[in-house]
Protein backbone atom coordinates (compact mmCIF):
# COMPACT_ATOMS: atom_id res chain seq x y z
CA MET A 1 51.56 105.59 280.62
CA SER A 2 48.04 104.25 281.14
CA GLU A 3 48.95 101.08 279.23
CA THR A 4 51.91 100.53 281.56
CA PHE A 5 49.66 101.06 284.59
CA GLU A 6 47.12 98.54 283.28
CA GLY A 7 49.92 96.02 282.70
CA VAL A 8 51.25 96.46 286.23
CA LYS A 9 47.70 96.13 287.61
CA ALA A 10 47.10 92.91 285.68
CA GLY A 11 50.46 91.44 286.72
CA ILE A 12 50.42 92.79 290.27
CA VAL A 13 50.65 89.36 291.92
CA PRO A 14 53.92 88.12 290.32
CA ILE A 15 55.38 91.63 290.58
CA GLY A 16 54.36 91.79 294.23
CA CYS A 17 55.94 88.40 294.99
CA ALA A 18 59.19 89.47 293.31
CA VAL A 19 59.25 92.73 295.31
CA ALA A 20 58.47 90.80 298.52
CA GLY A 21 61.37 88.46 297.72
CA MET A 22 63.76 91.41 297.47
CA LEU A 23 62.41 92.88 300.72
CA VAL A 24 62.88 89.57 302.50
CA LEU A 25 66.52 89.42 301.45
CA LEU A 26 67.06 93.03 302.58
CA PHE A 27 65.40 92.34 305.95
CA ASP A 28 67.62 89.31 306.43
CA LEU A 29 70.75 91.21 305.41
CA ALA A 30 70.01 94.21 307.63
CA GLY A 31 68.75 92.19 310.56
CA LYS A 32 71.80 90.33 311.80
CA GLY A 33 70.87 91.55 315.28
CA GLY A 34 67.43 89.94 315.03
CA ALA A 35 64.92 92.83 315.17
CA VAL A 36 64.47 93.42 311.43
CA ARG A 37 64.82 89.74 310.60
CA ARG A 38 61.52 89.04 312.32
CA TRP A 39 59.79 90.64 309.35
CA VAL A 40 60.99 87.92 306.96
CA VAL A 41 58.27 85.31 307.54
CA PRO A 42 55.38 87.82 307.94
CA THR A 43 56.40 89.55 304.69
CA ALA A 44 56.36 86.29 302.73
CA THR A 45 53.08 85.22 304.34
CA VAL A 46 51.34 88.52 303.63
CA ALA A 47 52.62 88.51 300.02
CA PHE A 48 51.06 85.11 299.29
CA CYS A 49 47.82 85.84 301.18
CA ALA A 50 47.38 89.14 299.35
CA GLY A 51 48.23 87.46 296.04
CA LEU A 52 45.60 84.79 296.69
CA ILE A 53 42.91 87.38 297.39
CA VAL A 54 43.82 89.51 294.35
CA SER A 55 43.90 86.46 292.06
CA LEU A 56 40.47 85.30 293.20
CA LEU A 57 39.05 88.80 292.67
CA GLN A 58 40.53 88.88 289.17
CA PHE A 59 39.14 85.42 288.38
CA THR A 60 35.62 86.37 289.44
CA GLY A 61 35.77 89.77 287.75
CA GLY A 62 34.11 88.76 284.49
CA ILE A 63 37.29 88.36 282.42
CA PRO A 64 37.44 85.64 279.70
CA LEU A 65 38.31 82.17 280.94
CA VAL A 66 41.11 81.88 278.40
CA SER A 67 42.29 84.13 275.58
CA THR A 68 40.99 83.06 272.17
CA PRO A 69 43.27 82.81 269.11
CA GLY A 70 42.63 85.78 266.84
CA SER A 71 40.89 87.85 269.53
CA PRO A 72 43.01 87.63 272.68
CA ALA A 73 42.11 89.10 276.02
CA ALA A 74 43.86 92.26 277.18
CA LEU A 75 47.59 91.97 276.43
CA HIS A 76 50.20 93.77 278.50
CA PHE A 77 53.94 94.42 278.52
CA GLY A 78 54.14 94.53 274.74
CA GLY A 79 52.07 91.37 274.31
CA ALA A 80 54.18 89.34 276.76
CA THR A 81 51.37 88.69 279.26
CA VAL A 82 47.61 88.25 279.10
CA ALA A 83 44.89 88.94 281.66
CA ASP A 84 42.37 86.08 281.70
CA GLY A 85 40.69 83.64 284.05
CA LEU A 86 43.17 80.85 283.40
CA GLY A 87 46.12 82.96 284.52
CA ALA A 88 44.25 84.26 287.59
CA ALA A 89 43.08 80.80 288.71
CA VAL A 90 46.49 79.18 288.28
CA THR A 91 48.15 82.12 290.06
CA ALA A 92 45.80 81.53 293.00
CA CYS A 93 46.93 77.88 293.11
CA LEU A 94 50.56 79.02 293.11
CA CYS A 95 49.84 81.36 296.01
CA LEU A 96 48.39 78.42 297.96
CA ALA A 97 51.50 76.34 297.24
CA GLY A 98 53.81 79.22 298.19
CA LEU A 99 51.89 79.90 301.40
CA GLY A 100 52.21 76.23 302.32
CA ALA A 101 55.98 76.31 301.72
CA VAL A 102 56.34 79.42 303.91
CA LEU A 103 54.25 78.09 306.79
CA LEU A 104 55.85 74.63 306.71
CA GLY A 105 59.36 75.99 306.34
CA GLY A 106 59.38 78.15 309.51
CA SER A 107 60.32 75.69 312.25
CA TYR A 108 61.91 73.26 309.79
CA ILE A 109 64.48 75.84 308.67
CA SER A 110 65.18 77.24 312.15
CA ASP A 111 65.54 73.78 313.77
CA ARG A 112 68.29 72.92 311.27
CA ASN A 113 70.07 76.28 311.53
CA LEU A 114 69.51 77.01 307.85
CA LEU A 115 69.31 80.47 306.27
CA VAL A 116 65.80 81.80 306.87
CA GLY A 117 65.90 84.85 304.59
CA GLU A 118 67.33 83.03 301.60
CA TYR A 119 64.74 80.24 301.90
CA HIS A 120 61.75 82.58 301.87
CA GLY A 121 63.29 84.77 299.20
CA LEU A 122 63.84 81.79 296.92
CA VAL A 123 60.26 80.58 297.45
CA LEU A 124 58.93 84.04 296.55
CA PHE A 125 61.14 84.36 293.45
CA SER A 126 60.25 80.85 292.32
CA ALA A 127 56.54 81.53 292.74
CA ALA A 128 56.88 84.85 290.90
CA GLY A 129 58.54 83.07 287.97
CA ALA A 130 55.79 80.45 287.87
CA MET A 131 53.10 83.14 287.95
CA TRP A 132 54.74 85.06 285.12
CA MET A 133 54.94 81.79 283.22
CA VAL A 134 51.22 81.00 283.44
CA GLN A 135 50.19 84.58 282.65
CA SER A 136 52.40 84.68 279.55
CA ALA A 137 50.83 85.24 276.15
CA ASP A 138 54.10 84.38 274.40
CA LEU A 139 56.36 81.32 274.48
CA ILE A 140 59.48 83.45 275.01
CA SER A 141 57.90 85.17 278.00
CA ALA A 142 56.87 81.77 279.37
CA PHE A 143 60.45 80.55 279.00
CA VAL A 144 61.75 83.50 281.04
CA GLY A 145 59.28 82.66 283.80
CA LEU A 146 60.27 79.00 283.65
CA GLU A 147 63.94 79.84 284.19
CA VAL A 148 63.19 82.06 287.19
CA LEU A 149 61.09 79.23 288.64
CA SER A 150 63.71 76.58 287.89
CA VAL A 151 66.86 78.30 289.15
CA ALA A 152 65.27 78.97 292.54
CA LEU A 153 64.03 75.36 292.76
CA TYR A 154 67.52 74.01 291.98
CA VAL A 155 68.89 75.87 295.00
CA LEU A 156 65.99 74.90 297.26
CA ALA A 157 66.39 71.22 296.38
CA GLY A 158 69.90 71.27 297.86
CA TYR A 159 69.07 73.50 300.81
CA LEU A 160 70.03 70.98 303.50
CA LYS A 161 73.63 71.86 304.26
CA GLY A 162 75.83 68.85 304.92
CA SER A 163 73.30 66.39 303.49
CA ARG A 164 74.73 64.31 300.67
CA ALA A 165 71.25 63.26 299.53
CA SER A 166 70.13 66.90 299.29
CA GLY A 167 73.24 67.83 297.32
CA GLU A 168 72.72 64.95 294.91
CA SER A 169 69.08 65.98 294.57
CA ALA A 170 70.06 69.51 293.56
CA VAL A 171 72.74 68.38 291.09
CA LYS A 172 70.48 65.87 289.38
CA TYR A 173 67.61 68.35 289.19
CA PHE A 174 69.91 71.04 287.79
CA LEU A 175 71.55 68.86 285.13
CA LEU A 176 68.33 67.31 283.86
CA GLY A 177 66.50 70.62 284.15
CA ALA A 178 69.15 72.33 282.03
CA PHE A 179 68.69 69.71 279.30
CA ALA A 180 64.90 70.11 279.49
CA SER A 181 65.22 73.89 279.19
CA ALA A 182 67.43 73.45 276.13
CA PHE A 183 64.82 71.19 274.52
CA LEU A 184 62.11 73.74 275.28
CA LEU A 185 64.08 76.67 273.87
CA TYR A 186 65.02 74.78 270.72
CA GLY A 187 61.37 73.82 270.28
CA ILE A 188 60.38 77.49 270.58
CA VAL A 189 62.92 78.35 267.86
CA LEU A 190 61.44 75.74 265.51
CA VAL A 191 57.88 76.88 266.22
CA TYR A 192 58.98 80.47 265.53
CA GLY A 193 60.36 79.48 262.13
CA ALA A 194 57.39 77.32 261.17
CA THR A 195 54.89 80.01 262.20
CA GLY A 196 56.76 82.60 260.16
CA MET A 197 56.64 80.37 257.08
CA ALA A 198 52.89 79.72 257.54
CA VAL A 199 52.14 83.43 258.03
CA ALA A 200 54.05 84.38 254.89
CA ALA A 201 52.64 81.55 252.76
CA ASN A 202 49.00 82.18 253.69
CA GLY A 203 49.06 85.97 253.50
CA LEU A 204 48.20 86.48 257.16
CA ALA A 205 48.66 89.87 258.78
CA ALA A 206 52.24 90.46 259.93
CA PRO A 207 52.25 89.85 263.72
CA THR A 208 54.40 91.59 266.30
CA SER A 209 55.64 88.22 267.58
CA LEU A 210 55.69 84.82 265.92
CA THR A 211 55.77 82.99 269.26
CA ARG A 212 52.57 84.47 270.68
CA PHE A 213 49.88 81.88 271.36
CA ASP A 214 47.15 83.66 269.41
CA VAL A 215 49.45 84.08 266.40
CA ILE A 216 50.32 80.38 266.48
CA GLY A 217 46.59 79.61 266.73
CA ASP A 218 45.76 81.74 263.70
CA ALA A 219 48.52 80.08 261.68
CA ALA A 220 47.37 76.62 262.78
CA VAL A 221 43.89 77.16 261.32
CA ALA A 222 45.34 77.55 257.83
CA VAL A 223 45.09 74.20 256.03
CA GLY A 224 46.84 72.66 253.06
CA PRO A 225 50.52 72.11 252.25
CA THR A 226 51.36 75.66 253.36
CA GLY A 227 49.56 75.34 256.70
CA LEU A 228 51.40 75.32 260.01
CA LEU A 229 50.43 71.78 260.99
CA ALA A 230 51.59 70.41 257.64
CA ASN A 231 55.10 71.65 258.38
CA PRO A 232 57.32 68.97 259.98
CA VAL A 233 59.40 71.73 261.56
CA PHE A 234 56.38 72.75 263.64
CA ALA A 235 55.69 69.13 264.62
CA VAL A 236 59.25 68.68 265.88
CA GLY A 237 59.16 72.04 267.65
CA LEU A 238 55.89 71.24 269.40
CA ALA A 239 57.26 67.85 270.47
CA LEU A 240 60.34 69.50 271.99
CA ILE A 241 58.16 72.01 273.84
CA ILE A 242 56.14 69.14 275.30
CA VAL A 243 59.41 67.47 276.37
CA GLY A 244 60.57 70.62 278.17
CA LEU A 245 57.25 71.25 279.91
CA GLY A 246 56.74 67.53 280.51
CA PHE A 247 59.93 67.48 282.59
CA LYS A 248 58.55 70.18 284.91
CA ALA A 249 55.19 68.43 285.09
CA SER A 250 56.80 64.98 285.76
CA LEU A 251 55.19 63.40 282.70
CA ALA A 252 56.58 59.99 281.70
CA PRO A 253 59.09 59.29 280.25
CA PHE A 254 60.57 62.59 281.53
CA HIS A 255 59.89 61.75 285.16
CA HIS A 256 63.01 59.88 286.25
CA TYR A 257 64.44 62.78 288.25
CA ALA A 258 61.36 63.09 290.50
CA PRO A 259 61.86 60.24 293.03
CA ASP A 260 65.52 61.09 293.70
CA VAL A 261 64.87 64.84 293.94
CA TYR A 262 61.88 64.31 296.24
CA GLU A 263 63.84 61.99 298.53
CA GLY A 264 66.82 64.32 298.93
CA ALA A 265 65.10 67.71 299.10
CA PRO A 266 63.73 69.15 302.38
CA LEU A 267 60.09 68.31 303.09
CA PRO A 268 58.73 71.89 302.76
CA VAL A 269 60.60 72.24 299.46
CA VAL A 270 59.13 68.99 298.14
CA ALA A 271 55.65 70.23 299.09
CA PHE A 272 56.27 73.36 297.00
CA LEU A 273 58.21 71.72 294.15
CA SER A 274 55.66 68.94 293.60
CA THR A 275 52.85 71.46 293.19
CA ALA A 276 54.28 74.74 291.83
CA ALA A 277 56.29 73.22 288.98
CA LYS A 278 53.35 71.04 287.91
CA ILE A 279 50.86 73.92 288.12
CA ALA A 280 53.06 76.22 286.01
CA ALA A 281 53.79 73.57 283.38
CA PHE A 282 50.14 72.66 282.90
CA GLY A 283 49.15 76.32 282.77
CA VAL A 284 51.37 76.76 279.71
CA LEU A 285 50.32 73.41 278.22
CA VAL A 286 46.65 74.44 278.44
CA ARG A 287 47.44 77.69 276.59
CA MET A 288 49.43 75.86 273.92
CA CYS A 289 46.79 73.18 273.37
CA HIS A 290 44.00 75.76 273.34
CA ALA A 291 45.88 77.79 270.72
CA VAL A 292 46.07 74.89 268.25
CA SER A 293 42.78 73.22 269.23
CA ASN A 294 40.85 74.75 266.31
CA SER A 295 43.03 72.94 263.81
CA SER A 296 42.23 69.56 262.30
CA ALA A 297 45.35 67.69 263.43
CA PRO A 298 44.49 64.38 265.13
CA ALA A 299 48.17 63.64 265.75
CA ILE A 300 48.35 66.13 268.63
CA PRO A 301 45.54 64.65 270.81
CA TYR A 302 46.74 61.13 269.92
CA ALA A 303 50.24 61.96 271.16
CA LEU A 304 48.88 63.54 274.33
CA SER A 305 46.66 60.49 274.91
CA ALA A 306 49.65 58.17 274.70
CA LEU A 307 51.61 60.44 277.04
CA ALA A 308 48.76 60.53 279.55
CA LEU A 309 48.27 56.76 279.57
CA LEU A 310 52.00 56.10 279.93
CA THR A 311 52.31 58.60 282.79
CA MET A 312 49.33 57.19 284.70
CA ILE A 313 50.62 53.64 284.37
CA VAL A 314 54.22 54.46 285.28
CA GLY A 315 53.33 56.68 288.24
CA ASN A 316 50.93 54.24 289.90
CA ALA A 317 53.10 51.20 289.19
CA TYR A 318 56.14 52.96 290.66
CA ALA A 319 54.33 54.07 293.82
CA LEU A 320 52.93 50.57 294.34
CA ARG A 321 56.36 49.04 295.06
CA GLN A 322 57.98 51.79 297.14
CA THR A 323 58.68 51.72 300.87
CA LYS A 324 59.99 55.28 301.28
CA ILE A 325 57.30 57.88 301.95
CA LYS A 326 58.74 60.52 299.63
CA ARG A 327 59.13 58.01 296.81
CA VAL A 328 55.52 56.90 297.24
CA LEU A 329 54.46 60.53 296.96
CA ALA A 330 56.75 60.99 293.95
CA GLY A 331 54.96 58.15 292.17
CA SER A 332 51.64 59.68 293.19
CA SER A 333 52.72 63.04 291.76
CA ILE A 334 53.65 61.41 288.45
CA ALA A 335 50.28 59.66 288.28
CA HIS A 336 48.40 62.91 288.94
CA ALA A 337 50.34 64.53 286.10
CA GLY A 338 48.95 61.76 283.90
CA TYR A 339 45.38 62.53 284.95
CA LEU A 340 45.92 66.21 284.12
CA ALA A 341 47.44 65.26 280.74
CA ALA A 342 44.28 63.24 280.05
CA GLY A 343 42.31 66.46 280.56
CA LEU A 344 44.44 68.16 277.90
CA THR A 345 43.18 65.72 275.28
CA ALA A 346 39.62 67.01 275.79
CA LEU A 347 40.65 70.52 274.72
CA PHE A 348 40.57 69.43 271.07
CA GLU A 349 36.82 68.75 271.11
CA PRO A 350 34.94 72.09 270.84
CA SER A 351 31.90 70.91 272.79
CA ALA A 352 34.07 69.76 275.72
CA GLN A 353 36.73 72.48 275.64
CA ARG A 354 35.38 74.87 278.26
CA PHE A 355 34.42 72.08 280.63
CA ALA A 356 37.89 70.56 280.20
CA ILE A 357 39.62 73.82 281.13
CA GLU A 358 37.39 74.24 284.19
CA SER A 359 38.04 70.63 285.18
CA ILE A 360 41.81 71.04 284.90
CA LEU A 361 41.65 74.17 287.06
CA TYR A 362 39.47 72.40 289.62
CA TYR A 363 41.87 69.46 289.70
CA LEU A 364 44.84 71.78 290.23
CA VAL A 365 43.07 73.36 293.22
CA ALA A 366 42.26 69.93 294.65
CA TYR A 367 45.77 68.60 294.12
CA THR A 368 47.44 71.68 295.61
CA ILE A 369 45.39 71.65 298.81
CA THR A 370 45.68 67.89 299.25
CA ASN A 371 49.38 67.59 298.49
CA VAL A 372 50.39 70.47 300.77
CA GLY A 373 48.20 68.92 303.48
CA VAL A 374 49.91 65.52 303.19
CA PHE A 375 53.36 67.07 303.59
CA ALA A 376 52.03 69.10 306.53
CA VAL A 377 51.04 65.82 308.22
CA LEU A 378 54.53 64.43 307.66
CA LEU A 379 56.05 67.52 309.28
CA TRP A 380 53.50 67.26 312.07
CA LEU A 381 54.82 63.76 312.79
CA ALA A 382 58.48 64.70 312.35
CA ARG A 383 60.99 64.44 315.17
CA ARG A 384 63.00 67.55 315.95
CA GLY A 385 65.87 67.68 313.45
CA ALA A 386 64.54 64.69 311.46
CA GLU A 387 61.57 63.71 309.31
CA PRO A 388 59.60 60.51 308.54
CA THR A 389 61.30 58.54 305.78
CA ASP A 390 59.88 55.00 305.78
CA VAL A 391 56.22 54.01 305.43
CA ARG A 392 56.70 51.78 308.51
CA GLU A 393 56.78 54.95 310.60
CA LEU A 394 53.04 55.23 309.93
CA ASP A 395 52.35 51.85 311.61
CA GLY A 396 49.76 52.13 314.37
CA LEU A 397 49.31 55.86 313.90
CA ALA A 398 45.58 55.61 314.65
CA ARG A 399 46.32 54.40 318.18
CA ARG A 400 49.28 56.75 318.76
CA GLN A 401 47.87 59.91 317.21
CA PRO A 402 44.18 59.49 316.29
CA MET A 403 43.81 63.11 315.19
CA ALA A 404 46.79 62.89 312.82
CA ALA A 405 45.46 59.57 311.52
CA GLY A 406 42.04 61.05 310.78
CA VAL A 407 43.52 64.04 308.97
CA LEU A 408 45.86 61.83 306.94
CA THR A 409 42.95 59.55 306.03
CA LEU A 410 40.93 62.40 304.53
CA LEU A 411 43.92 63.66 302.57
CA VAL A 412 44.84 60.20 301.29
CA LEU A 413 41.25 59.59 300.18
CA SER A 414 41.46 62.85 298.22
CA LEU A 415 44.70 61.75 296.55
CA ALA A 416 43.02 58.47 295.65
CA GLY A 417 40.04 60.35 294.20
CA LEU A 418 37.47 58.77 296.53
CA PRO A 419 34.42 60.43 298.12
CA PRO A 420 33.78 62.44 300.17
CA SER A 421 36.71 64.59 299.08
CA ILE A 422 37.59 67.35 296.67
CA GLY A 423 39.92 64.90 294.92
CA PHE A 424 36.93 62.76 293.96
CA LEU A 425 35.13 65.68 292.30
CA GLY A 426 38.34 66.78 290.59
CA LYS A 427 38.99 63.36 289.09
CA LEU A 428 35.32 62.90 288.21
CA SER A 429 35.23 66.19 286.31
CA LEU A 430 38.40 65.36 284.38
CA PHE A 431 37.13 61.95 283.30
CA LEU A 432 33.72 63.41 282.36
CA ALA A 433 35.47 65.94 280.14
CA VAL A 434 37.51 63.17 278.51
CA VAL A 435 34.38 61.08 277.94
CA LYS A 436 32.56 64.05 276.42
CA SER A 437 35.46 64.57 274.00
CA GLY A 438 34.95 60.98 272.79
CA ASN A 439 38.32 59.70 274.01
CA LEU A 440 36.99 56.58 275.70
CA VAL A 441 40.35 54.78 275.61
CA VAL A 442 42.00 57.40 277.82
CA ALA A 443 38.95 57.57 280.10
CA LEU A 444 38.92 53.80 280.60
CA GLY A 445 42.70 53.72 281.06
CA GLY A 446 42.44 56.48 283.65
CA LEU A 447 39.81 54.56 285.60
CA LEU A 448 41.94 51.41 285.62
CA CYS A 449 45.03 53.33 286.70
CA SER A 450 43.00 55.01 289.45
CA ALA A 451 42.09 51.55 290.73
CA ILE A 452 45.81 50.68 290.88
CA GLY A 453 46.48 53.97 292.65
CA THR A 454 43.79 53.16 295.20
CA ALA A 455 45.84 50.10 296.20
CA VAL A 456 48.79 52.41 296.90
CA TYR A 457 46.81 54.72 299.16
CA PHE A 458 44.95 51.94 300.94
CA GLY A 459 48.32 50.35 301.64
CA LEU A 460 49.20 53.47 303.64
CA LEU A 461 45.87 53.42 305.48
CA ILE A 462 46.29 49.73 306.36
CA ARG A 463 49.55 50.65 308.09
CA VAL A 464 47.84 53.52 309.92
CA TYR A 465 44.95 51.43 311.27
CA PHE A 466 45.92 47.74 311.24
CA ARG A 467 49.65 47.58 312.02
CA ASN A 468 51.30 47.62 315.43
CA ALA A 469 53.19 50.73 316.38
CA PRO A 470 57.01 50.60 316.73
CA ALA A 471 58.37 50.08 320.25
CA ALA A 472 59.68 53.63 320.71
CA VAL A 473 57.96 56.45 318.88
CA PRO A 474 58.90 60.09 319.59
CA GLU A 475 56.21 62.67 320.21
CA PRO A 476 55.22 64.63 317.09
CA GLN A 477 56.04 68.33 316.96
CA GLY A 478 52.70 69.65 315.72
CA GLY A 479 52.76 73.45 315.69
CA VAL A 480 51.99 75.27 312.44
CA ALA A 481 52.24 72.02 310.46
CA ARG A 482 49.41 70.52 312.51
CA LEU A 483 47.23 73.59 311.97
CA LEU A 484 47.91 73.62 308.22
CA ALA A 485 47.17 69.89 307.93
CA VAL A 486 43.85 70.26 309.76
CA VAL A 487 42.83 73.25 307.60
CA ALA A 488 43.70 71.30 304.44
CA ALA A 489 41.65 68.30 305.63
CA VAL A 490 38.66 70.53 306.42
CA LEU A 491 38.83 72.13 302.96
CA VAL A 492 39.16 68.71 301.33
CA LEU A 493 36.05 67.48 303.14
CA VAL A 494 33.90 70.63 302.85
CA TRP A 495 34.62 71.15 299.15
CA GLY A 496 34.15 67.44 298.57
CA VAL A 497 30.59 67.71 299.88
CA LEU A 498 29.90 71.26 298.67
CA PRO A 499 31.81 71.84 295.40
CA LEU A 500 33.49 75.15 294.70
CA PRO A 501 30.84 77.66 293.55
CA TRP A 502 32.35 78.04 290.08
CA PHE A 503 32.55 74.28 289.46
CA ASN A 504 30.20 72.94 286.80
CA ALA A 505 29.64 69.34 287.86
CA THR A 506 27.92 68.28 284.63
CA PRO A 507 29.71 67.37 281.39
CA ASN A 508 27.54 69.58 279.18
CA GLY A 509 30.32 72.14 278.78
CA GLN A 510 28.03 75.13 279.44
CA PRO A 511 29.67 78.15 281.08
CA VAL A 512 29.18 78.79 284.78
CA ALA A 513 27.14 81.94 285.28
CA ASN A 514 29.07 85.13 285.99
CA VAL A 515 32.39 83.39 286.50
CA ALA A 516 35.20 84.04 284.03
CA SER A 517 32.76 83.77 281.16
CA THR A 518 33.71 85.30 277.86
CA PRO A 519 31.86 88.60 277.31
């Protein structure tokens, strides 16, 4: 009984979001008259705010930063989930993304006469699946979380009734997502078989699950012809897992769905999709890479290096030639996935491992705040019943709406990774971790791709400050979107000047005092 209670306590945030999702649907169903339905948005908002607070308390509570193969942190639900700093920090990022989707979706959904209860319920269920995914200690458990996340996102992508583009977005996302899930599941099956063979051949203790990360890590340490990494079945399985997670993270060459899905989906959904799916995928990738990082298999970091370089190049090159705002942001999202993948390569160098994990977490925080803020600005500038689509709609924004222009400038500088912004510190920490790991090729490639990306973002700012405004421009709506955009810009600036207290801004890899440090 006490073990069950501890498991519920450790997983209270995803459980709470799932319960809140059910309550939201019940409120909407019972509130056709309007009185009970008013609780829908407050319930979703309180769920994410409470989840954010709880996650931050868990992260700063002295738990290990990440579970270690062979001696994992506290496992719960029969070994399905793990309580550690990585899961708590990523869950906090997911709460930020979910809160942004709830606050941005309020007027957007009501102005278009869409279903309010279903929207907020789907956001809560999707976030709960992503949280379960990043707190999983087992590949099977992570797959269950991934499917909960994905199914809700498929529906949200096509949430604009009567919009052909939104329908096409949902269909394309569903079909390609189903293939990616199949790749992931088949990869898990192959890893299961290969781990079982390595455990039996090397006389390791019989585990309760052959797909648990710590079990895979133990089997990966065994060397020789009977070792896990010498088995081609494991290599193929790991590659398929990277394909499945790479789709969710928008890693090239599994990124082709992103521009079309972003363009057709509603703006608040794109703000959530572009962050939550990426956060969840990289949470699992960090666990997987950390599990096998103690092995002597150079092929894994080499493959991740190639994937990171390809993604950075493709994302920035794609964004550079786009004229649609959502497609520019889709290319930007792909490029940021490449920067995060570069951080994964540093996990295989013991002296840089802890700093790399902290840098990835810091970058996820920076990207979440900045990306949600950018979409908040777009909704701030939206006409009633419509939304900005072309970059030309930003022309002359500094003269029309100087406050919106200033906010957008700070957020764009953060996306570009330029000071003074949290994005600059996030990108700096990632590249320092990569340099410390000795992977100078990826570090240099990342710097060059960042320079290309800067051209993309400065192209937007040139339109804001040096182009003439269109003849007739409707007044922006503002409202909650304006408030959220301003808050995001303030956080981007303040944390760009004063880094987050747990951020170690030096590449020495030493733990930060009293924060998620291993006992």
